[in-house]
PDB file of all heavy atoms in Angstrom:
ATOM      1  N   SER A   1      98.059 108.190  75.826  1.00  0.00           N
ATOM      2  CA  SER A   1      98.211 107.460  74.562  1.00  0.00           C
ATOM      3  C   SER A   1      97.815 105.998  74.722  1.00  0.00           C
ATOM      4  O   SER A   1      97.108 105.436  73.875  1.00  0.00           O
ATOM      5  CB  SER A   1      99.659 107.539  74.057  1.00  0.00           C
ATOM      6  OG  SER A   1      99.982 108.851  73.722  1.00  0.00           O
ATOM      7  N   ARG A   2      98.262 105.372  75.798  1.00  0.00           N
ATOM      8  CA  ARG A   2      97.914 103.961  76.036  1.00  0.00           C
ATOM      9  C   ARG A   2      96.415 103.809  76.262  1.00  0.00           C
ATOM     10  O   ARG A   2      95.800 102.857  75.769  1.00  0.00           O
ATOM     11  CB  ARG A   2      98.712 103.420  77.215  1.00  0.00           C
ATOM     12  CG  ARG A   2     100.186 103.274  76.863  1.00  0.00           C
ATOM     13  CD  ARG A   2     101.057 102.559  77.876  1.00  0.00           C
ATOM     14  NE  ARG A   2     100.514 102.268  79.165  1.00  0.00           N
ATOM     15  CZ  ARG A   2     100.985 102.764  80.310  1.00  0.00           C
ATOM     16  NH1 ARG A   2     102.007 103.589  80.317  1.00  0.00           N
ATOM     17  NH2 ARG A   2     100.445 102.426  81.458  1.00  0.00           N
ATOM     18  N   LEU A   3      95.819 104.748  77.008  1.00  0.00           N
ATOM     19  CA  LEU A   3      94.378 104.676  77.246  1.00  0.00           C
ATOM     20  C   LEU A   3      93.604 104.752  75.938  1.00  0.00           C
ATOM     21  O   LEU A   3      92.741 103.913  75.661  1.00  0.00           O
ATOM     22  CB  LEU A   3      93.941 105.816  78.174  1.00  0.00           C
ATOM     23  CG  LEU A   3      92.430 105.953  78.376  1.00  0.00           C
ATOM     24  CD1 LEU A   3      91.876 104.757  79.154  1.00  0.00           C
ATOM     25  CD2 LEU A   3      92.101 107.253  79.084  1.00  0.00           C
ATOM     26  N   PHE A   4      93.925 105.729  75.105  1.00  0.00           N
ATOM     27  CA  PHE A   4      93.175 105.887  73.857  1.00  0.00           C
ATOM     28  C   PHE A   4      93.437 104.745  72.881  1.00  0.00           C
ATOM     29  O   PHE A   4      92.551 104.377  72.107  1.00  0.00           O
ATOM     30  CB  PHE A   4      93.423 107.256  73.242  1.00  0.00           C
ATOM     31  CG  PHE A   4      92.744 108.358  74.027  1.00  0.00           C
ATOM     32  CD1 PHE A   4      93.429 109.509  74.346  1.00  0.00           C
ATOM     33  CD2 PHE A   4      91.440 108.226  74.461  1.00  0.00           C
ATOM     34  CE1 PHE A   4      92.807 110.522  75.089  1.00  0.00           C
ATOM     35  CE2 PHE A   4      90.817 109.217  75.200  1.00  0.00           C
ATOM     36  CZ  PHE A   4      91.497 110.373  75.514  1.00  0.00           C
ATOM     37  N   ALA A   5      94.610 104.149  72.927  1.00  0.00           N
ATOM     38  CA  ALA A   5      94.862 102.966  72.106  1.00  0.00           C
ATOM     39  C   ALA A   5      93.933 101.826  72.529  1.00  0.00           C
ATOM     40  O   ALA A   5      93.406 101.097  71.687  1.00  0.00           O
ATOM     41  CB  ALA A   5      96.329 102.542  72.217  1.00  0.00           C
ATOM     42  N   LEU A   6      93.707 101.704  73.824  1.00  0.00           N
ATOM     43  CA  LEU A   6      92.804 100.661  74.331  1.00  0.00           C
ATOM     44  C   LEU A   6      91.354 100.895  73.915  1.00  0.00           C
ATOM     45  O   LEU A   6      90.577  99.948  73.815  1.00  0.00           O
ATOM     46  CB  LEU A   6      92.875 100.586  75.858  1.00  0.00           C
ATOM     47  CG  LEU A   6      94.046  99.839  76.446  1.00  0.00           C
ATOM     48  CD1 LEU A   6      94.115 100.049  77.943  1.00  0.00           C
ATOM     49  CD2 LEU A   6      93.943  98.354  76.120  1.00  0.00           C
ATOM     50  N   LEU A   7      90.994 102.133  73.698  1.00  0.00           N
ATOM     51  CA  LEU A   7      89.610 102.451  73.346  1.00  0.00           C
ATOM     52  C   LEU A   7      89.335 102.255  71.863  1.00  0.00           C
ATOM     53  O   LEU A   7      88.178 102.169  71.449  1.00  0.00           O
ATOM     54  CB  LEU A   7      89.286 103.893  73.754  1.00  0.00           C
ATOM     55  CG  LEU A   7      89.468 104.216  75.240  1.00  0.00           C
ATOM     56  CD1 LEU A   7      89.125 105.670  75.509  1.00  0.00           C
ATOM     57  CD2 LEU A   7      88.671 103.278  76.118  1.00  0.00           C
ATOM     58  N   SER A   8      90.384 102.146  71.083  1.00  0.00           N
ATOM     59  CA  SER A   8      90.244 101.990  69.639  1.00  0.00           C
ATOM     60  C   SER A   8      89.476 100.706  69.313  1.00  0.00           C
ATOM     61  O   SER A   8      89.787  99.637  69.824  1.00  0.00           O
ATOM     62  CB  SER A   8      91.638 101.950  69.015  1.00  0.00           C
ATOM     63  OG  SER A   8      91.544 101.676  67.643  1.00  0.00           O
ATOM     64  N   GLY A   9      88.468 100.850  68.464  1.00  0.00           N
ATOM     65  CA  GLY A   9      87.717  99.689  68.002  1.00  0.00           C
ATOM     66  C   GLY A   9      86.642  99.190  68.939  1.00  0.00           C
ATOM     67  O   GLY A   9      85.986  98.186  68.647  1.00  0.00           O
ATOM     68  N   VAL A  10      86.424  99.855  70.063  1.00  0.00           N
ATOM     69  CA  VAL A  10      85.368  99.452  70.991  1.00  0.00           C
ATOM     70  C   VAL A  10      84.065 100.109  70.543  1.00  0.00           C
ATOM     71  O   VAL A  10      84.023 101.315  70.294  1.00  0.00           O
ATOM     72  CB  VAL A  10      85.709  99.852  72.447  1.00  0.00           C
ATOM     73  CG1 VAL A  10      84.582  99.474  73.403  1.00  0.00           C
ATOM     74  CG2 VAL A  10      87.024  99.213  72.885  1.00  0.00           C
ATOM     75  N   THR A  11      83.011  99.315  70.430  1.00  0.00           N
ATOM     76  CA  THR A  11      81.717  99.857  70.010  1.00  0.00           C
ATOM     77  C   THR A  11      81.018 100.540  71.182  1.00  0.00           C
ATOM     78  O   THR A  11      81.358 100.304  72.344  1.00  0.00           O
ATOM     79  CB  THR A  11      80.800  98.749  69.472  1.00  0.00           C
ATOM     80  OG1 THR A  11      80.445  97.883  70.563  1.00  0.00           O
ATOM     81  CG2 THR A  11      81.454  97.962  68.349  1.00  0.00           C
ATOM     82  N   GLU A  12      80.027 101.360  70.851  1.00  0.00           N
ATOM     83  CA  GLU A  12      79.238 102.038  71.893  1.00  0.00           C
ATOM     84  C   GLU A  12      78.629 101.013  72.849  1.00  0.00           C
ATOM     85  O   GLU A  12      78.643 101.186  74.062  1.00  0.00           O
ATOM     86  CB  GLU A  12      78.145 102.883  71.233  1.00  0.00           C
ATOM     87  CG  GLU A  12      77.271 103.645  72.210  1.00  0.00           C
ATOM     88  CD  GLU A  12      77.839 104.988  72.648  1.00  0.00           C
ATOM     89  OE1 GLU A  12      78.708 105.536  71.955  1.00  0.00           O
ATOM     90  OE2 GLU A  12      77.404 105.489  73.689  1.00  0.00           O
ATOM     91  N   GLU A  13      78.109  99.946  72.289  1.00  0.00           N
ATOM     92  CA  GLU A  13      77.484  98.898  73.122  1.00  0.00           C
ATOM     93  C   GLU A  13      78.516  98.257  74.038  1.00  0.00           C
ATOM     94  O   GLU A  13      78.243  97.991  75.212  1.00  0.00           O
ATOM     95  CB  GLU A  13      76.815  97.850  72.212  1.00  0.00           C
ATOM     96  CG  GLU A  13      75.974  96.823  72.963  1.00  0.00           C
ATOM     97  CD  GLU A  13      76.784  95.649  73.491  1.00  0.00           C
ATOM     98  OE1 GLU A  13      77.796  95.279  72.869  1.00  0.00           O
ATOM     99  OE2 GLU A  13      76.416  95.106  74.554  1.00  0.00           O
ATOM    100  N   GLN A  14      79.718  98.012  73.537  1.00  0.00           N
ATOM    101  CA  GLN A  14      80.767  97.412  74.361  1.00  0.00           C
ATOM    102  C   GLN A  14      81.245  98.370  75.449  1.00  0.00           C
ATOM    103  O   GLN A  14      81.582  97.936  76.553  1.00  0.00           O
ATOM    104  CB  GLN A  14      81.947  96.979  73.476  1.00  0.00           C
ATOM    105  CG  GLN A  14      81.614  95.799  72.594  1.00  0.00           C
ATOM    106  CD  GLN A  14      82.646  95.578  71.498  1.00  0.00           C
ATOM    107  OE1 GLN A  14      83.343  96.506  71.070  1.00  0.00           O
ATOM    108  NE2 GLN A  14      82.740  94.338  71.029  1.00  0.00           N
ATOM    109  N   PHE A  15      81.269  99.669  75.159  1.00  0.00           N
ATOM    110  CA  PHE A  15      81.627 100.662  76.179  1.00  0.00           C
ATOM    111  C   PHE A  15      80.682 100.592  77.372  1.00  0.00           C
ATOM    112  O   PHE A  15      81.088 100.792  78.506  1.00  0.00           O
ATOM    113  CB  PHE A  15      81.568 102.086  75.609  1.00  0.00           C
ATOM    114  CG  PHE A  15      82.835 102.574  74.989  1.00  0.00           C
ATOM    115  CD1 PHE A  15      82.966 102.665  73.613  1.00  0.00           C
ATOM    116  CD2 PHE A  15      83.915 102.963  75.775  1.00  0.00           C
ATOM    117  CE1 PHE A  15      84.128 103.139  73.033  1.00  0.00           C
ATOM    118  CE2 PHE A  15      85.082 103.430  75.208  1.00  0.00           C
ATOM    119  CZ  PHE A  15      85.193 103.517  73.832  1.00  0.00           C
ATOM    120  N   LYS A  16      79.409 100.325  77.092  1.00  0.00           N
ATOM    121  CA  LYS A  16      78.376 100.385  78.141  1.00  0.00           C
ATOM    122  C   LYS A  16      78.084  99.029  78.789  1.00  0.00           C
ATOM    123  O   LYS A  16      77.382  98.959  79.782  1.00  0.00           O
ATOM    124  CB  LYS A  16      77.075 100.947  77.557  1.00  0.00           C
ATOM    125  CG  LYS A  16      77.213 102.305  76.883  1.00  0.00           C
ATOM    126  CD  LYS A  16      77.492 103.405  77.873  1.00  0.00           C
ATOM    127  CE  LYS A  16      77.697 104.733  77.176  1.00  0.00           C
ATOM    128  NZ  LYS A  16      76.745 105.725  77.520  1.00  0.00           N
ATOM    129  N   ARG A  17      78.607  97.943  78.219  1.00  0.00           N
ATOM    130  CA  ARG A  17      78.311  96.609  78.744  1.00  0.00           C
ATOM    131  C   ARG A  17      79.175  96.303  79.961  1.00  0.00           C
ATOM    132  O   ARG A  17      80.395  96.389  79.913  1.00  0.00           O
ATOM    133  CB  ARG A  17      78.553  95.546  77.682  1.00  0.00           C
ATOM    134  CG  ARG A  17      78.086  94.170  78.146  1.00  0.00           C
ATOM    135  CD  ARG A  17      78.414  93.038  77.202  1.00  0.00           C
ATOM    136  NE  ARG A  17      78.202  93.374  75.812  1.00  0.00           N
ATOM    137  CZ  ARG A  17      78.916  92.847  74.819  1.00  0.00           C
ATOM    138  NH1 ARG A  17      79.875  91.979  75.055  1.00  0.00           N
ATOM    139  NH2 ARG A  17      78.678  93.195  73.571  1.00  0.00           N
ATOM    140  N   ARG A  18      78.515  95.909  81.043  1.00  0.00           N
ATOM    141  CA  ARG A  18      79.241  95.499  82.238  1.00  0.00           C
ATOM    142  C   ARG A  18      79.569  94.008  82.135  1.00  0.00           C
ATOM    143  O   ARG A  18      78.743  93.222  81.684  1.00  0.00           O
ATOM    144  CB  ARG A  18      78.397  95.720  83.491  1.00  0.00           C
ATOM    145  CG  ARG A  18      78.242  97.162  83.875  1.00  0.00           C
ATOM    146  CD  ARG A  18      77.491  97.272  85.179  1.00  0.00           C
ATOM    147  NE  ARG A  18      77.325  98.651  85.548  1.00  0.00           N
ATOM    148  CZ  ARG A  18      76.242  99.125  86.140  1.00  0.00           C
ATOM    149  NH1 ARG A  18      75.225  98.330  86.417  1.00  0.00           N
ATOM    150  NH2 ARG A  18      76.169 100.391  86.461  1.00  0.00           N
ATOM    151  N   PRO A  19      80.751  93.637  82.588  1.00  0.00           N
ATOM    152  CA  PRO A  19      81.071  92.208  82.610  1.00  0.00           C
ATOM    153  C   PRO A  19      80.287  91.530  83.736  1.00  0.00           C
ATOM    154  O   PRO A  19      79.750  92.202  84.623  1.00  0.00           O
ATOM    155  CB  PRO A  19      82.573  92.194  82.885  1.00  0.00           C
ATOM    156  CG  PRO A  19      82.845  93.469  83.591  1.00  0.00           C
ATOM    157  CD  PRO A  19      81.846  94.467  83.067  1.00  0.00           C
ATOM    158  N   PRO A  20      80.219  90.211  83.721  1.00  0.00           N
ATOM    159  CA  PRO A  20      79.510  89.511  84.797  1.00  0.00           C
ATOM    160  C   PRO A  20      80.155  89.778  86.157  1.00  0.00           C
ATOM    161  O   PRO A  20      81.375  89.935  86.258  1.00  0.00           O
ATOM    162  CB  PRO A  20      79.642  88.032  84.420  1.00  0.00           C
ATOM    163  CG  PRO A  20      80.072  88.008  82.995  1.00  0.00           C
ATOM    164  CD  PRO A  20      80.758  89.307  82.714  1.00  0.00           C
ATOM    165  N   ALA A  21      79.321  89.806  87.178  1.00  0.00           N
ATOM    166  CA  ALA A  21      79.810  89.980  88.545  1.00  0.00           C
ATOM    167  C   ALA A  21      80.618  88.750  88.962  1.00  0.00           C
ATOM    168  O   ALA A  21      80.364  87.643  88.483  1.00  0.00           O
ATOM    169  CB  ALA A  21      78.638  90.191  89.491  1.00  0.00           C
ATOM    170  N   THR A  22      81.593  88.986  89.819  1.00  0.00           N
ATOM    171  CA  THR A  22      82.401  87.895  90.369  1.00  0.00           C
ATOM    172  C   THR A  22      82.465  88.069  91.883  1.00  0.00           C
ATOM    173  O   THR A  22      82.046  89.107  92.418  1.00  0.00           O
ATOM    174  CB  THR A  22      83.840  87.928  89.808  1.00  0.00           C
ATOM    175  OG1 THR A  22      84.474  89.143  90.250  1.00  0.00           O
ATOM    176  CG2 THR A  22      83.851  87.850  88.285  1.00  0.00           C
ATOM    177  N   ALA A  23      83.013  87.072  92.553  1.00  0.00           N
ATOM    178  CA  ALA A  23      83.177  87.184  94.007  1.00  0.00           C
ATOM    179  C   ALA A  23      84.114  88.339  94.352  1.00  0.00           C
ATOM    180  O   ALA A  23      83.905  89.051  95.333  1.00  0.00           O
ATOM    181  CB  ALA A  23      83.716  85.875  94.579  1.00  0.00           C
ATOM    182  N   ASP A  24      85.138  88.549  93.526  1.00  0.00           N
ATOM    183  CA  ASP A  24      86.083  89.646  93.764  1.00  0.00           C
ATOM    184  C   ASP A  24      85.505  91.002  93.409  1.00  0.00           C
ATOM    185  O   ASP A  24      85.927  92.016  93.953  1.00  0.00           O
ATOM    186  CB  ASP A  24      87.364  89.433  92.955  1.00  0.00           C
ATOM    187  CG  ASP A  24      88.185  88.269  93.480  1.00  0.00           C
ATOM    188  OD1 ASP A  24      88.043  87.929  94.672  1.00  0.00           O
ATOM    189  OD2 ASP A  24      88.970  87.715  92.688  1.00  0.00           O
ATOM    190  N   ASP A  25      84.577  91.028  92.464  1.00  0.00           N
ATOM    191  CA  ASP A  25      83.992  92.287  91.993  1.00  0.00           C
ATOM    192  C   ASP A  25      82.495  92.102  91.767  1.00  0.00           C
ATOM    193  O   ASP A  25      82.053  91.859  90.646  1.00  0.00           O
ATOM    194  CB  ASP A  25      84.686  92.746  90.712  1.00  0.00           C
ATOM    195  CG  ASP A  25      84.346  94.180  90.343  1.00  0.00           C
ATOM    196  OD1 ASP A  25      83.564  94.838  91.079  1.00  0.00           O
ATOM    197  OD2 ASP A  25      84.861  94.650  89.318  1.00  0.00           O
ATOM    198  N   PRO A  26      81.705  92.228  92.845  1.00  0.00           N
ATOM    199  CA  PRO A  26      80.265  91.987  92.722  1.00  0.00           C
ATOM    200  C   PRO A  26      79.512  93.066  91.933  1.00  0.00           C
ATOM    201  O   PRO A  26      78.390  92.837  91.490  1.00  0.00           O
ATOM    202  CB  PRO A  26      79.778  91.934  94.174  1.00  0.00           C
ATOM    203  CG  PRO A  26      80.828  92.638  94.959  1.00  0.00           C
ATOM    204  CD  PRO A  26      82.119  92.497  94.209  1.00  0.00           C
ATOM    205  N   GLN A  27      80.097  94.236  91.752  1.00  0.00           N
ATOM    206  CA  GLN A  27      79.470  95.311  90.982  1.00  0.00           C
ATOM    207  C   GLN A  27      80.482  95.903  90.004  1.00  0.00           C
ATOM    208  O   GLN A  27      80.939  97.037  90.176  1.00  0.00           O
ATOM    209  CB  GLN A  27      78.926  96.399  91.905  1.00  0.00           C
ATOM    210  CG  GLN A  27      77.790  95.924  92.790  1.00  0.00           C
ATOM    211  CD  GLN A  27      77.221  97.066  93.598  1.00  0.00           C
ATOM    212  OE1 GLN A  27      77.951  97.813  94.234  1.00  0.00           O
ATOM    213  NE2 GLN A  27      75.913  97.189  93.567  1.00  0.00           N
ATOM    214  N   PRO A  28      80.842  95.140  88.967  1.00  0.00           N
ATOM    215  CA  PRO A  28      81.872  95.626  88.039  1.00  0.00           C
ATOM    216  C   PRO A  28      81.396  96.818  87.237  1.00  0.00           C
ATOM    217  O   PRO A  28      80.209  96.979  86.977  1.00  0.00           O
ATOM    218  CB  PRO A  28      82.122  94.420  87.132  1.00  0.00           C
ATOM    219  CG  PRO A  28      80.857  93.644  87.182  1.00  0.00           C
ATOM    220  CD  PRO A  28      80.287  93.856  88.556  1.00  0.00           C
ATOM    221  N   TRP A  29      82.357  97.648  86.869  1.00  0.00           N
ATOM    222  CA  TRP A  29      82.086  98.805  86.030  1.00  0.00           C
ATOM    223  C   TRP A  29      82.272  98.423  84.570  1.00  0.00           C
ATOM    224  O   TRP A  29      83.090  97.565  84.235  1.00  0.00           O
ATOM    225  CB  TRP A  29      83.046  99.931  86.349  1.00  0.00           C
ATOM    226  CG  TRP A  29      82.797 100.642  87.638  1.00  0.00           C
ATOM    227  CD1 TRP A  29      81.726 100.515  88.468  1.00  0.00           C
ATOM    228  CD2 TRP A  29      83.649 101.615  88.240  1.00  0.00           C
ATOM    229  NE1 TRP A  29      81.861 101.343  89.547  1.00  0.00           N
ATOM    230  CE2 TRP A  29      83.029 102.038  89.427  1.00  0.00           C
ATOM    231  CE3 TRP A  29      84.864 102.168  87.886  1.00  0.00           C
ATOM    232  CZ2 TRP A  29      83.600 102.990  90.263  1.00  0.00           C
ATOM    233  CZ3 TRP A  29      85.432 103.116  88.722  1.00  0.00           C
ATOM    234  CH2 TRP A  29      84.797 103.525  89.899  1.00  0.00           C
ATOM    235  N   CYS A  30      81.584  99.124  83.705  1.00  0.00           N
ATOM    236  CA  CYS A  30      81.828  99.007  82.272  1.00  0.00           C
ATOM    237  C   CYS A  30      82.933 100.008  81.906  1.00  0.00           C
ATOM    238  O   CYS A  30      83.354 100.824  82.735  1.00  0.00           O
ATOM    239  CB  CYS A  30      80.542  99.289  81.484  1.00  0.00           C
ATOM    240  SG  CYS A  30      79.907 100.965  81.645  1.00  0.00           S
ATOM    241  N   ILE A  31      83.403  99.938  80.677  1.00  0.00           N
ATOM    242  CA  ILE A  31      84.481 100.840  80.238  1.00  0.00           C
ATOM    243  C   ILE A  31      84.053 102.301  80.377  1.00  0.00           C
ATOM    244  O   ILE A  31      84.831 103.141  80.838  1.00  0.00           O
ATOM    245  CB  ILE A  31      84.906 100.526  78.791  1.00  0.00           C
ATOM    246  CG1 ILE A  31      85.556  99.144  78.714  1.00  0.00           C
ATOM    247  CG2 ILE A  31      85.874 101.596  78.261  1.00  0.00           C
ATOM    248  CD1 ILE A  31      85.833  98.656  77.299  1.00  0.00           C
ATOM    249  N   ALA A  32      82.819 102.618  80.018  1.00  0.00           N
ATOM    250  CA  ALA A  32      82.347 104.006  80.117  1.00  0.00           C
ATOM    251  C   ALA A  32      82.360 104.484  81.563  1.00  0.00           C
ATOM    252  O   ALA A  32      82.663 105.660  81.827  1.00  0.00           O
ATOM    253  CB  ALA A  32      80.948 104.137  79.521  1.00  0.00           C
ATOM    254  N   GLU A  33      82.056 103.607  82.499  1.00  0.00           N
ATOM    255  CA  GLU A  33      82.093 103.999  83.914  1.00  0.00           C
ATOM    256  C   GLU A  33      83.522 104.257  84.372  1.00  0.00           C
ATOM    257  O   GLU A  33      83.775 105.193  85.141  1.00  0.00           O
ATOM    258  CB  GLU A  33      81.434 102.919  84.779  1.00  0.00           C
ATOM    259  CG  GLU A  33      79.925 102.904  84.612  1.00  0.00           C
ATOM    260  CD  GLU A  33      79.270 101.690  85.239  1.00  0.00           C
ATOM    261  OE1 GLU A  33      79.765 100.555  85.040  1.00  0.00           O
ATOM    262  OE2 GLU A  33      78.242 101.873  85.914  1.00  0.00           O
ATOM    263  N   VAL A  34      84.458 103.449  83.893  1.00  0.00           N
ATOM    264  CA  VAL A  34      85.868 103.688  84.235  1.00  0.00           C
ATOM    265  C   VAL A  34      86.312 105.035  83.673  1.00  0.00           C
ATOM    266  O   VAL A  34      86.980 105.818  84.353  1.00  0.00           O
ATOM    267  CB  VAL A  34      86.771 102.542  83.725  1.00  0.00           C
ATOM    268  CG1 VAL A  34      88.242 102.854  83.999  1.00  0.00           C
ATOM    269  CG2 VAL A  34      86.383 101.217  84.377  1.00  0.00           C
ATOM    270  N   LEU A  35      85.901 105.335  82.430  1.00  0.00           N
ATOM    271  CA  LEU A  35      86.261 106.627  81.833  1.00  0.00           C
ATOM    272  C   LEU A  35      85.662 107.789  82.625  1.00  0.00           C
ATOM    273  O   LEU A  35      86.333 108.797  82.860  1.00  0.00           O
ATOM    274  CB  LEU A  35      85.809 106.688  80.376  1.00  0.00           C
ATOM    275  CG  LEU A  35      86.462 105.697  79.419  1.00  0.00           C
ATOM    276  CD1 LEU A  35      85.885 105.863  78.013  1.00  0.00           C
ATOM    277  CD2 LEU A  35      87.965 105.836  79.421  1.00  0.00           C
ATOM    278  N   ALA A  36      84.408 107.656  83.032  1.00  0.00           N
ATOM    279  CA  ALA A  36      83.769 108.712  83.832  1.00  0.00           C
ATOM    280  C   ALA A  36      84.483 108.883  85.167  1.00  0.00           C
ATOM    281  O   ALA A  36      84.659 110.008  85.653  1.00  0.00           O
ATOM    282  CB  ALA A  36      82.290 108.388  84.037  1.00  0.00           C
ATOM    283  N   HIS A  37      84.910 107.773  85.752  1.00  0.00           N
ATOM    284  CA  HIS A  37      85.662 107.824  87.007  1.00  0.00           C
ATOM    285  C   HIS A  37      86.994 108.550  86.802  1.00  0.00           C
ATOM    286  O   HIS A  37      87.365 109.426  87.591  1.00  0.00           O
ATOM    287  CB  HIS A  37      85.895 106.397  87.517  1.00  0.00           C
ATOM    288  CG  HIS A  37      86.863 106.307  88.636  1.00  0.00           C
ATOM    289  ND1 HIS A  37      86.580 106.754  89.917  1.00  0.00           N
ATOM    290  CD2 HIS A  37      88.138 105.835  88.671  1.00  0.00           C
ATOM    291  CE1 HIS A  37      87.637 106.551  90.686  1.00  0.00           C
ATOM    292  NE2 HIS A  37      88.591 105.998  89.953  1.00  0.00           N
ATOM    293  N   LEU A  38      87.708 108.202  85.731  1.00  0.00           N
ATOM    294  CA  LEU A  38      88.974 108.878  85.436  1.00  0.00           C
ATOM    295  C   LEU A  38      88.764 110.372  85.224  1.00  0.00           C
ATOM    296  O   LEU A  38      89.546 111.198  85.706  1.00  0.00           O
ATOM    297  CB  LEU A  38      89.634 108.260  84.193  1.00  0.00           C
ATOM    298  CG  LEU A  38      90.266 106.892  84.376  1.00  0.00           C
ATOM    299  CD1 LEU A  38      90.662 106.306  83.022  1.00  0.00           C
ATOM    300  CD2 LEU A  38      91.464 106.957  85.302  1.00  0.00           C
ATOM    301  N   LEU A  39      87.706 110.712  84.506  1.00  0.00           N
ATOM    302  CA  LEU A  39      87.396 112.120  84.234  1.00  0.00           C
ATOM    303  C   LEU A  39      87.118 112.882  85.525  1.00  0.00           C
ATOM    304  O   LEU A  39      87.694 113.950  85.762  1.00  0.00           O
ATOM    305  CB  LEU A  39      86.210 112.212  83.274  1.00  0.00           C
ATOM    306  CG  LEU A  39      85.704 113.603  82.925  1.00  0.00           C
ATOM    307  CD1 LEU A  39      86.795 114.465  82.314  1.00  0.00           C
ATOM    308  CD2 LEU A  39      84.515 113.489  81.971  1.00  0.00           C
ATOM    309  N   SER A  40      86.276 112.343  86.387  1.00  0.00           N
ATOM    310  CA  SER A  40      85.943 113.066  87.627  1.00  0.00           C
ATOM    311  C   SER A  40      87.157 113.147  88.551  1.00  0.00           C
ATOM    312  O   SER A  40      87.376 114.173  89.206  1.00  0.00           O
ATOM    313  CB  SER A  40      84.750 112.430  88.336  1.00  0.00           C
ATOM    314  OG  SER A  40      85.054 111.145  88.809  1.00  0.00           O
ATOM    315  N   HIS A  41      87.955 112.095  88.589  1.00  0.00           N
ATOM    316  CA  HIS A  41      89.157 112.091  89.431  1.00  0.00           C
ATOM    317  C   HIS A  41      90.157 113.145  88.952  1.00  0.00           C
ATOM    318  O   HIS A  41      90.706 113.908  89.751  1.00  0.00           O
ATOM    319  CB  HIS A  41      89.793 110.698  89.395  1.00  0.00           C
ATOM    320  CG  HIS A  41      90.998 110.560  90.251  1.00  0.00           C
ATOM    321  ND1 HIS A  41      92.269 110.824  89.786  1.00  0.00           N
ATOM    322  CD2 HIS A  41      91.141 110.195  91.542  1.00  0.00           C
ATOM    323  CE1 HIS A  41      93.130 110.630  90.750  1.00  0.00           C
ATOM    324  NE2 HIS A  41      92.484 110.235  91.831  1.00  0.00           N
ATOM    325  N   GLU A  42      90.363 113.202  87.646  1.00  0.00           N
ATOM    326  CA  GLU A  42      91.336 114.163  87.115  1.00  0.00           C
ATOM    327  C   GLU A  42      90.827 115.601  87.292  1.00  0.00           C
ATOM    328  O   GLU A  42      91.611 116.509  87.587  1.00  0.00           O
ATOM    329  CB  GLU A  42      91.651 113.860  85.650  1.00  0.00           C
ATOM    330  CG  GLU A  42      92.894 114.555  85.174  1.00  0.00           C
ATOM    331  CD  GLU A  42      93.571 113.873  84.001  1.00  0.00           C
ATOM    332  OE1 GLU A  42      93.355 112.664  83.772  1.00  0.00           O
ATOM    333  OE2 GLU A  42      94.320 114.572  83.304  1.00  0.00           O
ATOM    334  N   ARG A  43      89.528 115.809  87.128  1.00  0.00           N
ATOM    335  CA  ARG A  43      88.965 117.151  87.384  1.00  0.00           C
ATOM    336  C   ARG A  43      89.179 117.561  88.834  1.00  0.00           C
ATOM    337  O   ARG A  43      89.529 118.709  89.121  1.00  0.00           O
ATOM    338  CB  ARG A  43      87.474 117.170  87.055  1.00  0.00           C
ATOM    339  CG  ARG A  43      87.173 117.304  85.606  1.00  0.00           C
ATOM    340  CD  ARG A  43      85.680 117.386  85.369  1.00  0.00           C
ATOM    341  NE  ARG A  43      85.395 117.544  83.954  1.00  0.00           N
ATOM    342  CZ  ARG A  43      84.281 117.173  83.375  1.00  0.00           C
ATOM    343  NH1 ARG A  43      83.306 116.616  84.087  1.00  0.00           N
ATOM    344  NH2 ARG A  43      84.109 117.360  82.087  1.00  0.00           N
ATOM    345  N   LEU A  44      88.938 116.631  89.752  1.00  0.00           N
ATOM    346  CA  LEU A  44      89.114 116.910  91.180  1.00  0.00           C
ATOM    347  C   LEU A  44      90.556 117.331  91.466  1.00  0.00           C
ATOM    348  O   LEU A  44      90.801 118.340  92.132  1.00  0.00           O
ATOM    349  CB  LEU A  44      88.742 115.676  92.006  1.00  0.00           C
ATOM    350  CG  LEU A  44      89.040 115.758  93.495  1.00  0.00           C
ATOM    351  CD1 LEU A  44      88.130 116.775  94.171  1.00  0.00           C
ATOM    352  CD2 LEU A  44      88.878 114.381  94.133  1.00  0.00           C
ATOM    353  N   TRP A  45      91.532 116.574  90.933  1.00  0.00           N
ATOM    354  CA  TRP A  45      92.927 116.910  91.203  1.00  0.00           C
ATOM    355  C   TRP A  45      93.369 118.166  90.477  1.00  0.00           C
ATOM    356  O   TRP A  45      94.205 118.920  90.987  1.00  0.00           O
ATOM    357  CB  TRP A  45      93.838 115.717  90.944  1.00  0.00           C
ATOM    358  CG  TRP A  45      93.719 114.785  92.111  1.00  0.00           C
ATOM    359  CD1 TRP A  45      92.981 113.635  92.184  1.00  0.00           C
ATOM    360  CD2 TRP A  45      94.264 114.987  93.410  1.00  0.00           C
ATOM    361  NE1 TRP A  45      93.058 113.104  93.448  1.00  0.00           N
ATOM    362  CE2 TRP A  45      93.839 113.909  94.226  1.00  0.00           C
ATOM    363  CE3 TRP A  45      95.072 115.958  93.976  1.00  0.00           C
ATOM    364  CZ2 TRP A  45      94.200 113.788  95.567  1.00  0.00           C
ATOM    365  CZ3 TRP A  45      95.435 115.838  95.314  1.00  0.00           C
ATOM    366  CH2 TRP A  45      94.998 114.768  96.090  1.00  0.00           C
ATOM    367  N   ALA A  46      92.785 118.450  89.318  1.00  0.00           N
ATOM    368  CA  ALA A  46      93.093 119.726  88.642  1.00  0.00           C
ATOM    369  C   ALA A  46      92.628 120.891  89.525  1.00  0.00           C
ATOM    370  O   ALA A  46      93.355 121.889  89.680  1.00  0.00           O
ATOM    371  CB  ALA A  46      92.427 119.786  87.274  1.00  0.00           C
ATOM    372  N   GLU A  47      91.437 120.763  90.117  1.00  0.00           N
ATOM    373  CA  GLU A  47      90.943 121.809  91.023  1.00  0.00           C
ATOM    374  C   GLU A  47      91.863 121.960  92.227  1.00  0.00           C
ATOM    375  O   GLU A  47      92.155 123.079  92.672  1.00  0.00           O
ATOM    376  CB  GLU A  47      89.529 121.468  91.502  1.00  0.00           C
ATOM    377  CG  GLU A  47      88.465 121.546  90.439  1.00  0.00           C
ATOM    378  CD  GLU A  47      87.135 120.950  90.893  1.00  0.00           C
ATOM    379  OE1 GLU A  47      86.935 120.722  92.108  1.00  0.00           O
ATOM    380  OE2 GLU A  47      86.287 120.703  90.016  1.00  0.00           O
TER     381      GLU A  47
END
């Protein structure tokens, strides 16, 4: 529920836009990449 509330109102372009790189995170993920990561992780643990 909290995850889907966070996704409310995000445009397709915003889902795919990566934030600028930082020293702490030189290759940041966009929201869609985080969702894909969550999906693959949950599938793995379901298996």
